[in-house]
Structures are given as C-alpha cells and as structure tokens.
Protein backbone atom coordinates (compact mmCIF):
# COMPACT_ATOMS: atom_id res chain seq x y z
CA MET A 1 49.31 -79.34 2.55
CA THR A 2 47.16 -78.16 5.41
CA ASN A 3 44.21 -80.05 6.78
CA LYS A 4 41.10 -78.17 7.79
CA VAL A 5 39.77 -78.70 11.31
CA LEU A 6 36.31 -77.46 12.24
CA ILE A 7 36.37 -75.97 15.73
CA ASP A 8 33.19 -76.52 17.73
CA SER A 9 31.58 -73.64 19.62
CA SER A 10 32.04 -75.50 22.93
CA VAL A 11 35.81 -75.41 22.40
CA LEU A 12 35.63 -71.63 21.85
CA VAL A 13 33.44 -71.14 24.91
CA GLU A 14 35.75 -73.08 27.20
CA TYR A 15 38.80 -71.36 25.76
CA SER A 16 37.34 -67.90 26.29
CA LYS A 17 36.55 -68.87 29.90
CA ASN A 18 40.22 -69.86 30.19
CA ASN A 19 39.20 -73.48 30.77
CA LYS A 20 40.43 -76.45 28.76
CA THR A 21 42.77 -74.35 26.60
CA THR A 22 45.29 -77.09 25.79
CA LEU A 23 43.39 -78.59 22.85
CA LEU A 24 42.78 -75.33 21.01
CA ASN A 25 46.31 -74.07 21.72
CA SER A 26 47.80 -77.23 20.26
CA LEU A 27 45.56 -77.04 17.18
CA LEU A 28 46.43 -73.39 16.59
CA GLU A 29 50.16 -74.07 16.97
CA ASN A 30 50.11 -76.93 14.46
CA ASN A 31 51.20 -75.47 11.10
CA SER A 32 49.76 -78.41 9.18
CA LEU A 33 46.24 -77.54 10.36
CA GLN A 34 43.89 -74.73 9.39
CA CYS A 35 41.33 -74.16 12.14
CA CYS A 36 37.93 -73.22 10.73
CA ILE A 37 34.54 -72.01 11.92
CA THR A 38 31.15 -71.41 10.32
CA GLU A 39 28.43 -68.83 10.93
CA THR A 40 26.53 -71.40 13.01
CA ILE A 41 29.55 -71.89 15.26
CA ILE A 42 30.00 -68.11 15.60
CA SER A 43 26.31 -67.71 16.46
CA GLU A 44 26.45 -70.45 19.11
CA PHE A 45 29.66 -69.05 20.57
CA PHE A 46 28.33 -65.47 20.77
CA PHE A 47 25.12 -66.72 22.42
CA GLN A 48 27.14 -68.53 25.08
CA PHE A 49 29.60 -65.64 25.35
CA ILE A 50 26.78 -63.23 26.20
CA LYS A 51 25.37 -65.72 28.69
CA PHE A 52 28.56 -66.36 30.65
CA THR A 53 29.95 -62.81 30.57
CA SER A 54 26.67 -61.19 31.69
CA ASN A 55 25.41 -63.99 33.97
CA LYS A 56 22.00 -63.39 32.41
CA ALA A 57 19.91 -64.98 29.72
CA PRO A 58 20.86 -63.59 26.29
CA ALA A 59 17.21 -62.62 25.66
CA THR A 60 17.28 -60.54 28.86
CA VAL A 61 20.48 -58.83 27.72
CA LYS A 62 18.98 -58.19 24.30
CA SER A 63 15.73 -56.73 25.65
CA ALA A 64 17.77 -54.43 27.93
CA LYS A 65 19.77 -53.37 24.85
CA LYS A 66 23.05 -54.24 26.58
CA ILE A 67 24.62 -56.60 24.04
CA LYS A 68 27.00 -53.90 22.82
CA LYS A 69 28.16 -53.24 26.40
CA ILE A 70 28.88 -56.95 26.91
CA PHE A 71 31.15 -57.03 23.88
CA GLU A 72 32.83 -53.75 24.84
CA ALA A 73 33.54 -54.98 28.38
CA ASP A 74 35.20 -58.28 27.42
CA ASN A 75 37.12 -58.64 24.18
CA SER A 76 37.93 -62.36 24.44
CA TYR A 77 35.40 -62.92 21.67
CA PHE A 78 38.08 -61.63 19.27
CA LEU A 79 39.49 -65.15 19.22
CA VAL A 80 37.10 -65.89 16.33
CA ASN A 81 39.51 -63.86 14.19
CA LEU A 82 42.07 -66.66 14.52
CA PHE A 83 40.06 -69.00 12.31
CA GLU A 84 39.28 -69.38 8.66
CA PHE A 85 35.62 -68.76 7.98
CA LEU A 86 33.84 -71.46 5.98
CA ALA A 87 30.61 -70.43 4.31
CA THR A 88 27.85 -72.92 4.93
CA ASP A 89 26.80 -74.16 1.53
CA ILE A 90 27.38 -77.24 -0.61
CA ARG A 91 31.14 -76.57 -0.67
CA ILE A 92 31.48 -77.23 3.06
CA PHE A 93 29.62 -80.53 2.67
CA LYS A 94 32.00 -81.56 -0.11
CA LEU A 95 35.02 -80.69 2.06
CA PHE A 96 34.01 -83.26 4.61
CA LEU A 97 33.39 -85.96 2.03
CA ASN A 98 37.04 -85.91 0.93
C-alpha cells in the first residue's frame, strides 16, 4: 500500500533552485509513498518559478509576453511531472479525512 503525500509549492520552489533538496529526494525515493500535487500547488509553483528565473515580477513578465521564453530557457519546471495530480474536489477532501 502506498501513502499519498501532498508536496507543497515551497518544496518545489526550493528544489528547483537546487536548495533544500534532501526532503523531496527522500520522499521521491521512498517506494511506499506517492508524491502528489494539485492545480493550486502547480499555479503557486509556476508563479514563483517565473519570479525567480526572470528576476522580475510575474505580472511584468506577462505584460512583456515573455512567459514562454522563461519556460523555454529553464526546464527545471518539468519536475512537476514526477508527481501524481490530484484534482481539487470533494475526493481530495475525503482523502485527507482517512
């Protein structure tokens, strides 16, 4: 049986900066755990990813129409593919009650 672990966006941000990688590495290596994310976590991570890779406010990057260039220049955001996606609806709430 695998246990689901919800990975916070701050863990993803630090990992993609190559800071504080030990926790996420150990979770990913543990076969009894399934690391999960939600659309909220992805949104928060991408916001921070744009901010730290461009050194500009995400709104500034968006208005300059350079978001695509940010993602093309640094592919560390692909780490979101390592996680199971949990849809945010009543099922996710029930998961955490058990």
